[in-house]
Protein backbone atom coordinates (compact mmCIF):
# COMPACT_ATOMS: atom_id res chain seq x y z
CA UNK A 1 -31.49 -31.32 37.49
CA UNK A 2 -29.88 -28.03 36.56
CA UNK A 3 -31.59 -26.28 33.53
CA UNK A 4 -29.75 -23.29 31.99
CA UNK A 5 -29.78 -19.60 33.57
CA UNK A 6 -33.09 -17.66 33.85
CA UNK A 7 -33.46 -14.12 32.28
CA UNK A 8 -33.20 -11.43 34.38
CA UNK A 9 -36.50 -10.30 34.32
CA UNK A 10 -38.11 -13.70 34.56
CA UNK A 11 -39.23 -13.37 38.10
CA UNK A 12 -40.37 -10.05 37.98
CA UNK A 13 -42.19 -10.67 34.72
CA UNK A 14 -43.43 -14.08 36.60
CA UNK A 15 -44.84 -11.70 39.98
CA UNK A 16 -46.20 -9.14 37.89
CA UNK A 17 -49.30 -10.99 37.43
CA UNK A 18 -49.27 -10.99 41.39
CA UNK A 19 -48.85 -8.00 42.52
CA UNK A 20 -51.21 -5.90 43.77
CA UNK A 21 -54.29 -8.44 44.96
CA UNK A 22 -57.51 -7.33 46.39
CA UNK A 23 -57.63 -7.18 50.08
CA UNK A 24 -59.43 -10.27 51.51
CA UNK A 25 -62.18 -8.51 53.16
CA UNK A 26 -64.61 -10.04 56.52
CA UNK A 27 -68.31 -8.36 56.94
CA UNK A 28 -68.75 -6.12 58.48
CA UNK A 29 -66.19 -3.34 57.75
CA UNK A 30 -65.83 -0.53 56.28
CA UNK A 31 -63.35 1.18 53.92
CA UNK A 32 -61.66 4.09 52.71
CA UNK A 33 -60.21 5.11 49.17
CA UNK A 34 -58.85 8.04 48.22
CA UNK A 35 -57.58 8.36 44.73
CA UNK A 36 -54.76 11.23 44.34
CA UNK A 37 -53.83 13.17 41.11
CA UNK A 38 -50.02 14.88 41.54
CA UNK A 39 -49.28 18.17 40.90
CA UNK A 40 -47.73 19.04 37.06
CA UNK A 41 -44.18 19.93 38.60
CA UNK A 42 -44.47 17.44 41.76
CA UNK A 43 -41.34 14.40 42.21
CA UNK A 44 -43.61 10.82 42.10
CA UNK A 45 -41.36 10.01 45.14
CA UNK A 46 -43.80 12.90 47.70
CA UNK A 47 -46.95 9.84 48.00
CA UNK A 48 -44.13 7.24 48.79
CA UNK A 49 -42.66 9.45 51.46
CA UNK A 50 -46.01 10.47 52.62
CA UNK A 51 -46.89 6.50 52.96
CA UNK A 52 -43.47 5.69 55.08
CA UNK A 53 -44.52 8.74 57.11
CA UNK A 54 -47.24 7.09 58.20
CA UNK A 55 -45.88 3.79 58.45
CA UNK A 56 -42.99 4.77 60.44
CA UNK A 57 -45.72 6.87 62.94
CA UNK A 58 -47.62 3.30 63.54
CA UNK A 59 -44.00 1.55 63.75
CA UNK A 60 -45.55 -0.50 60.78
CA UNK A 61 -43.17 -1.82 58.21
CA UNK A 62 -41.96 0.25 55.52
CA UNK A 63 -42.13 0.11 52.06
CA UNK A 64 -39.00 -0.51 49.96
CA UNK A 65 -37.44 2.22 47.93
CA UNK A 66 -38.98 2.99 45.12
CA UNK A 67 -42.47 0.57 46.15
CA UNK A 68 -45.16 1.21 43.58
CA UNK A 69 -48.08 -1.18 45.97
CA UNK A 70 -48.12 -1.36 49.63
CA UNK A 71 -50.17 -3.46 51.62
CA UNK A 72 -49.84 -3.49 56.01
CA UNK A 73 -51.54 -4.08 58.92
CA UNK A 74 -50.85 -0.60 61.26
CA UNK A 75 -52.90 -1.96 64.33
CA UNK A 76 -55.66 -0.08 64.56
CA UNK A 77 -56.38 -0.42 60.48
CA UNK A 78 -55.24 -1.50 57.57
CA UNK A 79 -53.80 0.38 54.60
CA UNK A 80 -52.87 -0.56 51.10
CA UNK A 81 -50.77 1.72 48.55
CA UNK A 82 -50.91 1.76 45.34
CA UNK A 83 -48.92 4.29 42.91
CA UNK A 84 -50.28 3.67 39.12
CA UNK A 85 -48.93 5.81 35.68
CA UNK A 86 -51.24 8.66 36.42
CA UNK A 87 -52.53 8.79 40.43
CA UNK A 88 -52.17 7.37 43.71
CA UNK A 89 -54.53 5.46 46.37
CA UNK A 90 -54.61 4.69 49.31
CA UNK A 91 -56.91 2.13 50.67
CA UNK A 92 -58.18 2.33 54.52
CA UNK A 93 -59.68 -1.32 56.29
CA UNK A 94 -61.36 -0.80 59.25
CA UNK A 95 -63.36 -4.00 60.97
CA UNK A 96 -67.02 -3.46 62.09
CA UNK A 97 -69.74 -0.96 61.46
CA UNK A 98 -72.46 0.70 63.64
CA UNK A 99 -75.55 1.09 63.52
CA UNK A 100 -75.50 3.39 61.07
CA UNK A 101 -72.71 2.49 58.49
CA UNK A 102 -71.61 5.46 57.37
CA UNK A 103 -71.73 6.65 60.68
CA UNK A 104 -67.50 6.73 61.35
CA UNK A 105 -65.53 5.90 58.23
CA UNK A 106 -62.55 3.95 57.78
CA UNK A 107 -60.46 7.36 56.76
CA UNK A 108 -61.38 8.61 60.42
CA UNK A 109 -58.80 5.97 62.03
CA UNK A 110 -56.03 7.99 60.02
CA UNK A 111 -54.06 11.20 61.53
CA UNK A 112 -55.79 14.34 60.45
CA UNK A 113 -52.97 16.21 60.06
CA UNK A 114 -51.29 13.07 57.94
CA UNK A 115 -54.71 13.50 55.77
CA UNK A 116 -54.47 17.63 55.44
CA UNK A 117 -50.44 17.08 54.13
CA UNK A 118 -50.73 14.85 51.51
CA UNK A 119 -49.62 15.04 48.35
CA UNK A 120 -51.59 16.43 45.14
CA UNK A 121 -55.38 16.49 44.06
CA UNK A 122 -58.30 14.89 44.99
CA UNK A 123 -59.86 13.07 42.29
CA UNK A 124 -61.91 10.33 43.40
CA UNK A 125 -62.90 9.35 47.52
CA UNK A 126 -65.33 6.62 48.38
CA UNK A 127 -66.68 4.99 51.48
CA UNK A 128 -67.94 1.31 50.99
CA UNK A 129 -69.96 -0.42 54.03
CA UNK A 130 -69.20 -4.23 53.65
CA UNK A 131 -72.64 -5.04 55.91
CA UNK A 132 -74.01 -9.28 55.60
CA UNK A 133 -77.07 -9.13 54.29
CA UNK A 134 -79.73 -11.14 56.30
CA UNK A 135 -82.21 -11.64 53.84
CA UNK A 136 -84.35 -9.20 54.64
CA UNK A 137 -86.28 -7.10 52.01
CA UNK A 138 -84.99 -3.30 51.85
CA UNK A 139 -86.92 -0.66 50.89
CA UNK A 140 -84.83 1.62 48.39
CA UNK A 141 -86.34 4.52 48.78
CA UNK A 142 -85.54 4.25 53.10
CA UNK A 143 -81.97 3.56 51.71
CA UNK A 144 -81.78 6.72 49.61
CA UNK A 145 -83.18 8.71 52.18
CA UNK A 146 -80.84 7.09 55.31
CA UNK A 147 -77.31 6.98 53.34
CA UNK A 148 -77.34 8.73 50.29
CA UNK A 149 -79.63 11.89 50.95
CA UNK A 150 -82.38 10.72 48.93
CA UNK A 151 -80.51 10.37 45.68
CA UNK A 152 -81.93 8.82 42.77
CA UNK A 153 -80.19 4.86 43.74
CA UNK A 154 -78.63 2.65 41.13
CA UNK A 155 -77.37 -0.92 42.28
CA UNK A 156 -77.54 -4.65 41.18
CA UNK A 157 -76.98 -8.15 42.49
CA UNK A 158 -73.32 -8.77 41.75
CA UNK A 159 -71.46 -12.13 41.25
CA UNK A 160 -73.90 -14.44 40.67
CA UNK A 161 -76.15 -12.57 43.47
CA UNK A 162 -74.15 -14.03 45.94
CA UNK A 163 -73.83 -10.10 47.23
CA UNK A 164 -75.44 -6.58 46.62
CA UNK A 165 -74.51 -3.43 45.77
CA UNK A 166 -75.91 -0.28 46.08
CA UNK A 167 -74.68 3.17 45.18
CA UNK A 168 -75.59 7.18 43.96
CA UNK A 169 -72.11 7.56 41.99
CA UNK A 170 -72.52 11.09 44.09
CA UNK A 171 -70.50 13.46 46.12
CA UNK A 172 -71.27 13.71 49.62
CA UNK A 173 -70.84 16.84 51.97
CA UNK A 174 -67.79 15.25 52.69
CA UNK A 175 -65.64 15.03 49.64
CA UNK A 176 -66.99 10.71 49.32
CA UNK A 177 -69.06 9.33 47.48
CA UNK A 178 -70.69 5.74 49.04
CA UNK A 179 -71.01 2.43 48.41
CA UNK A 180 -72.94 -0.26 50.13
CA UNK A 181 -72.11 -4.07 49.90
CA UNK A 182 -74.49 -6.64 51.22
CA UNK A 183 -72.98 -9.78 51.59
CA UNK A 184 -74.41 -13.33 51.46
CA UNK A 185 -71.55 -15.14 51.71
CA UNK A 186 -69.00 -14.12 49.08
CA UNK A 187 -65.72 -14.99 51.11
CA UNK A 188 -63.21 -12.82 52.04
CA UNK A 189 -61.55 -13.29 48.45
CA UNK A 190 -64.36 -12.36 46.32
CA UNK A 191 -65.48 -9.41 48.86
CA UNK A 192 -62.50 -7.97 48.46
CA UNK A 193 -62.32 -8.11 44.56
CA UNK A 194 -66.10 -6.88 44.43
CA UNK A 195 -65.06 -3.82 46.46
CA UNK A 196 -61.72 -3.47 44.25
CA UNK A 197 -64.14 -3.47 41.04
CA UNK A 198 -66.87 -1.28 42.23
CA UNK A 199 -63.69 0.95 43.58
CA UNK A 200 -62.11 0.76 40.51
CA UNK A 201 -65.32 1.35 38.06
CA UNK A 202 -65.96 4.76 40.38
CA UNK A 203 -62.15 6.00 39.70
CA UNK A 204 -61.89 5.31 36.48
CA UNK A 205 -64.86 6.61 35.53
CA UNK A 206 -63.75 9.62 37.00
CA UNK A 207 -60.44 9.79 35.17
CA UNK A 208 -61.28 8.82 31.74
CA UNK A 209 -63.64 11.71 31.99
CA UNK A 210 -61.08 13.83 31.86
CA UNK A 211 -60.69 13.90 28.51
CA UNK A 212 -64.52 15.15 27.99
CA UNK A 213 -63.98 18.87 28.75
CA UNK A 214 -60.70 18.77 26.84
CA UNK A 215 -62.76 17.48 23.87
CA UNK A 216 -65.49 20.27 24.67
CA UNK A 217 -62.84 23.16 24.44
CA UNK A 218 -61.20 21.75 21.38
CA UNK A 219 -64.42 21.79 19.28
CA UNK A 220 -64.60 25.30 18.35
CA UNK A 221 -61.15 25.33 17.51
CA UNK A 222 -61.56 22.53 15.23
CA UNK A 223 -64.09 24.08 13.19
CA UNK A 224 -62.28 27.66 12.83
CA UNK A 225 -59.28 25.18 11.09
CA UNK A 226 -61.59 23.00 9.21
CA UNK A 227 -63.14 26.92 8.24
CA UNK A 228 -59.40 28.01 7.38
CA UNK A 229 -58.51 25.37 5.45
CA UNK A 230 -62.10 25.54 3.11
CA UNK A 231 -60.73 28.57 2.33
CA UNK A 232 -57.23 28.11 1.25
CA UNK A 233 -58.53 25.01 -0.90
CA UNK A 234 -60.63 27.20 -2.05
CA UNK A 235 -58.37 29.88 -2.95
CA UNK A 236 -56.38 27.14 -4.77
CA UNK A 237 -59.10 26.69 -7.43
CA UNK A 238 -58.64 29.88 -9.51
CA UNK A 239 -55.38 31.52 -7.60
CA UNK A 240 -52.65 32.50 -9.98
CA UNK A 241 -48.81 31.91 -9.64
CA UNK A 242 -48.29 35.42 -7.45
CA UNK A 243 -50.98 33.86 -4.89
CA UNK A 244 -49.50 30.39 -4.46
CA UNK A 245 -46.85 31.16 -1.84
CA UNK A 246 -49.28 32.96 -0.06
CA UNK A 247 -51.28 30.11 0.59
CA UNK A 248 -48.24 27.51 1.27
CA UNK A 249 -47.78 29.82 3.96
CA UNK A 250 -51.22 29.84 5.37
CA UNK A 251 -51.07 26.03 4.84
CA UNK A 252 -47.83 25.41 6.30
CA UNK A 253 -48.96 27.58 9.82
CA UNK A 254 -52.15 25.47 10.24
CA UNK A 255 -50.52 22.22 9.46
CA UNK A 256 -47.75 23.39 12.68
CA UNK A 257 -51.06 24.35 14.63
CA UNK A 258 -52.84 21.55 13.74
CA UNK A 259 -50.15 18.89 14.74
CA UNK A 260 -48.83 21.11 18.11
CA UNK A 261 -53.27 20.11 18.94
CA UNK A 262 -52.76 16.96 18.53
CA UNK A 263 -49.54 16.60 20.46
CA UNK A 264 -50.54 17.74 23.31
CA UNK A 265 -54.19 16.28 23.61
CA UNK A 266 -53.14 12.63 22.08
CA UNK A 267 -52.15 11.46 25.54
CA UNK A 268 -55.32 13.04 27.06
CA UNK A 269 -58.03 10.57 24.46
CA UNK A 270 -55.58 7.47 24.54
CA UNK A 271 -55.84 7.55 28.31
CA UNK A 272 -59.54 8.66 28.78
CA UNK A 273 -60.36 5.38 25.97
CA UNK A 274 -57.51 3.34 27.80
CA UNK A 275 -59.76 3.85 31.55
CA UNK A 276 -63.12 3.52 29.56
CA UNK A 277 -62.02 0.33 28.56
CA UNK A 278 -61.07 -0.62 31.93
CA UNK A 279 -64.70 0.71 33.24
CA UNK A 280 -66.60 -2.00 30.90
CA UNK A 281 -63.79 -4.91 31.77
CA UNK A 282 -64.89 -4.34 35.55
CA UNK A 283 -67.84 -3.58 34.88
CA UNK A 284 -68.01 -7.03 32.90
CA UNK A 285 -66.51 -8.58 36.01
CA UNK A 286 -69.43 -7.79 38.53
CA UNK A 287 -71.70 -10.26 36.86
CA UNK A 288 -74.85 -7.58 37.38
CA UNK A 289 -78.36 -9.05 37.91
CA UNK A 290 -81.03 -6.79 37.78
CA UNK A 291 -82.60 -5.45 40.93
CA UNK A 292 -86.47 -4.86 40.30
CA UNK A 293 -86.21 -0.72 40.30
CA UNK A 294 -82.77 0.37 40.28
CA UNK A 295 -80.80 1.17 37.78
CA UNK A 296 -78.13 -1.36 37.14
CA UNK A 297 -74.08 -0.03 36.81
CA UNK A 298 -73.86 -0.86 33.42
CA UNK A 299 -76.94 0.96 32.27
CA UNK A 300 -75.82 4.03 34.17
CA UNK A 301 -72.37 3.99 32.40
CA UNK A 302 -73.90 3.25 28.81
CA UNK A 303 -76.51 6.50 29.56
CA UNK A 304 -73.88 8.93 30.88
CA UNK A 305 -70.32 8.04 30.38
CA UNK A 306 -70.85 6.39 26.63
CA UNK A 307 -71.96 9.28 25.39
CA UNK A 308 -69.20 11.26 26.77
CA UNK A 309 -66.20 9.19 25.59
CA UNK A 310 -67.25 8.49 21.34
CA UNK A 311 -66.94 12.68 22.19
CA UNK A 312 -64.09 12.27 23.27
CA UNK A 313 -62.77 9.22 20.45
CA UNK A 314 -64.81 11.74 17.45
CA UNK A 315 -63.20 15.04 18.37
CA UNK A 316 -59.77 12.43 18.43
CA UNK A 317 -60.95 11.22 15.38
CA UNK A 318 -61.87 14.55 13.56
CA UNK A 319 -58.26 15.68 14.39
CA UNK A 320 -56.37 13.23 13.04
CA UNK A 321 -59.12 13.46 9.93
CA UNK A 322 -58.43 17.31 9.89
CA UNK A 323 -54.05 16.71 9.88
CA UNK A 324 -54.52 14.25 6.92
CA UNK A 325 -57.08 17.19 4.49
CA UNK A 326 -54.71 19.74 5.22
CA UNK A 327 -51.69 17.71 4.48
CA UNK A 328 -52.89 16.33 1.31
CA UNK A 329 -53.83 20.04 0.49
CA UNK A 330 -50.29 21.10 1.44
CA UNK A 331 -48.78 18.19 -1.35
CA UNK A 332 -51.39 19.81 -3.73
CA UNK A 333 -50.37 22.91 -3.53
CA UNK A 334 -46.44 22.59 -3.06
CA UNK A 335 -46.66 20.73 -6.43
CA UNK A 336 -47.77 23.67 -8.13
CA UNK A 337 -45.92 25.59 -6.69
CA UNK A 338 -43.51 22.56 -7.74
CA UNK A 339 -44.49 23.31 -11.19
CA UNK A 340 -44.17 26.65 -11.31
CA UNK A 341 -40.91 26.55 -10.34
CA UNK A 342 -40.21 24.15 -12.98
CA UNK A 343 -41.77 26.90 -15.44
CA UNK A 344 -39.69 29.33 -14.30
CA UNK A 345 -36.82 27.38 -14.16
CA UNK A 346 -37.19 26.11 -18.06
CA UNK A 347 -37.69 29.83 -18.44
CA UNK A 348 -34.49 30.85 -17.06
CA UNK A 349 -32.18 28.05 -19.30
CA UNK A 350 -33.86 28.83 -22.25
CA UNK A 351 -32.79 33.05 -21.26
CA UNK A 352 -29.25 31.72 -20.50
CA UNK A 353 -28.66 29.44 -23.91
CA UNK A 354 -30.26 32.97 -25.77
CA UNK A 355 -27.45 34.62 -23.73
CA UNK A 356 -24.61 31.98 -24.76
CA UNK A 357 -25.54 31.80 -28.13
CA UNK A 358 -25.40 36.07 -28.31
CA UNK A 359 -21.99 36.00 -26.26
CA UNK A 360 -20.02 32.96 -28.74
CA UNK A 361 -20.84 35.23 -31.53
CA UNK A 362 -19.91 38.27 -29.90
CA UNK A 363 -16.45 36.43 -29.01
CA UNK A 364 -16.41 35.05 -32.00
CA UNK A 365 -16.90 38.96 -34.13
CA UNK A 366 -13.73 40.31 -31.68
CA UNK A 367 -11.45 37.20 -32.30
CA UNK A 368 -12.05 38.29 -35.93
CA UNK A 369 -10.68 41.73 -34.87
CA UNK A 370 -8.24 40.31 -32.19
CA UNK A 371 -6.44 38.93 -35.45
CA UNK A 372 -6.81 41.97 -36.87
CA UNK A 373 -5.71 43.71 -34.00
CA UNK A 374 -2.71 41.15 -33.67
CA UNK A 375 -1.58 40.99 -37.26
CA UNK A 376 -1.76 45.17 -37.32
CA UNK A 377 0.51 45.38 -34.34
CA UNK A 378 2.50 42.54 -35.44
CA UNK A 379 3.17 44.04 -39.38
CA UNK A 380 4.21 47.24 -37.91
CA UNK A 381 7.37 45.39 -35.96
CA UNK A 382 7.90 43.76 -38.70
CA UNK A 383 7.98 47.00 -41.12
CA UNK A 384 9.83 48.62 -38.68
CA UNK A 385 12.87 45.81 -38.51
CA UNK A 386 12.59 46.15 -42.06
CA UNK A 387 13.19 49.86 -42.79
CA UNK A 388 15.84 49.46 -40.16
CA UNK A 389 17.63 46.74 -42.02
CA UNK A 390 17.20 48.88 -45.25
CA UNK A 391 18.84 52.18 -43.42
CA UNK A 392 21.79 49.38 -43.07
CA UNK A 393 21.78 49.46 -46.89
CA UNK A 394 20.33 45.90 -46.74
CA UNK A 395 19.77 44.83 -50.41
CA UNK A 396 16.02 44.89 -48.92
CA UNK A 397 12.51 47.08 -49.80
CA UNK A 398 10.78 47.52 -46.48
CA UNK A 399 7.45 48.16 -48.24
CA UNK A 400 7.74 44.69 -50.27
CA UNK A 401 8.30 42.89 -46.81
CA UNK A 402 5.83 44.40 -44.96
CA UNK A 403 3.70 43.82 -47.66
CA UNK A 404 4.46 39.97 -47.69
CA UNK A 405 4.20 40.11 -43.96
CA UNK A 406 0.98 40.83 -43.62
CA UNK A 407 -1.17 37.64 -44.91
CA UNK A 408 1.84 35.33 -43.46
CA UNK A 409 1.34 36.71 -39.91
CA UNK A 410 -2.93 36.74 -40.78
CA UNK A 411 -2.68 33.11 -41.17
CA UNK A 412 -0.38 32.41 -38.48
CA UNK A 413 -2.44 34.66 -35.86
CA UNK A 414 -5.59 33.17 -37.03
CA UNK A 415 -4.32 29.36 -36.28
CA UNK A 416 -2.78 29.83 -33.19
CA UNK A 417 -5.94 32.08 -31.92
CA UNK A 418 -8.57 28.98 -33.18
CA UNK A 419 -5.49 26.06 -31.30
CA UNK A 420 -6.21 28.04 -27.88
CA UNK A 421 -9.59 28.16 -28.50
CA UNK A 422 -10.30 24.75 -29.66
CA UNK A 423 -8.02 23.58 -26.54
CA UNK A 424 -9.73 25.63 -23.64
CA UNK A 425 -13.10 23.34 -25.39
CA UNK A 426 -11.66 20.10 -24.60
CA UNK A 427 -11.27 21.07 -21.11
CA UNK A 428 -14.39 22.31 -20.30
CA UNK A 429 -15.54 19.12 -22.37
């Protein structure tokens, strides 16, 4: 059976759900993870170029041009690389552990000069030690003193009790935070999913918090803008017509400042909310079970991360609401300005109407004077002609002819003037 032609994106969209699978991990092993934010003006392919150089260095398969994820065994270690919207991440996996699981890390398998030359800035870094659980009870205080510099620990049984995850979410002197995962027969794929979730919780937790300093800086700016808006709206109550343009200018500048700030901050607040949602989803996927004396990852994030994200959400909503209030005030003031302009236009039209009536009266007066003037000149010409005829001994009296011509000429000039004025009025209409 032959099928119709496939959609050009069918294979790509179908394979998307299979992309970036978690690595299969068999305890004991060491995992190191590094998340890098690129510099603002750096090209996106710098991280991929560094990956290509590392693959060539160890004789491994090179990633395809434009690739967004890569996984390969490079001999001494296995490397997984992913490029996300805002950051790139490298995961290094080395089998086996020493007596102290953090005495040597997977990151040490990478060339030091290559690591130092990686493009971007570190936003998150973790060492994970995956150990088989021998079933012996563990001493929380001893674990903290031995592996976590005596810090307060948090952790839980995960994946329905098949493993135990311990961490402190603190950065150690080497620049990495630490996770200890005790496996009780989860299976390689499930162990890989647990490690990936723990790493993503820590990474996305930090990425979400990038919006928090912005929210704290934005608070006094919004307070000042709210005071300016309150001052303008108070002035609107008793302002006169001359004050309205000044208030409208203040509102316009305030609206421009708020819109500019919202445009700059919208992405960071939206990204922070999206990262926080991912953190919550990954915590749910862990299926935590409480360990007596330890705070769970969910409790930790709800106590520390949730208030910070609520602050960011409130600040973003405050900015949007302020923009809406300024828009309403601007619309109200614009309506007042329009009404004032309408009153001024009505007064101007009334003044123009008065001027038109005065001009019409003046024109009528001028028309009467024009008729008299034209009659005077025409009658004068007729008088000269009659006098010439009288001097030529034609039996006419020039005085009589001149006198008779006055009413005739006046009526003719008046009629001609009226005819011209009516024609012009018809053309105007």
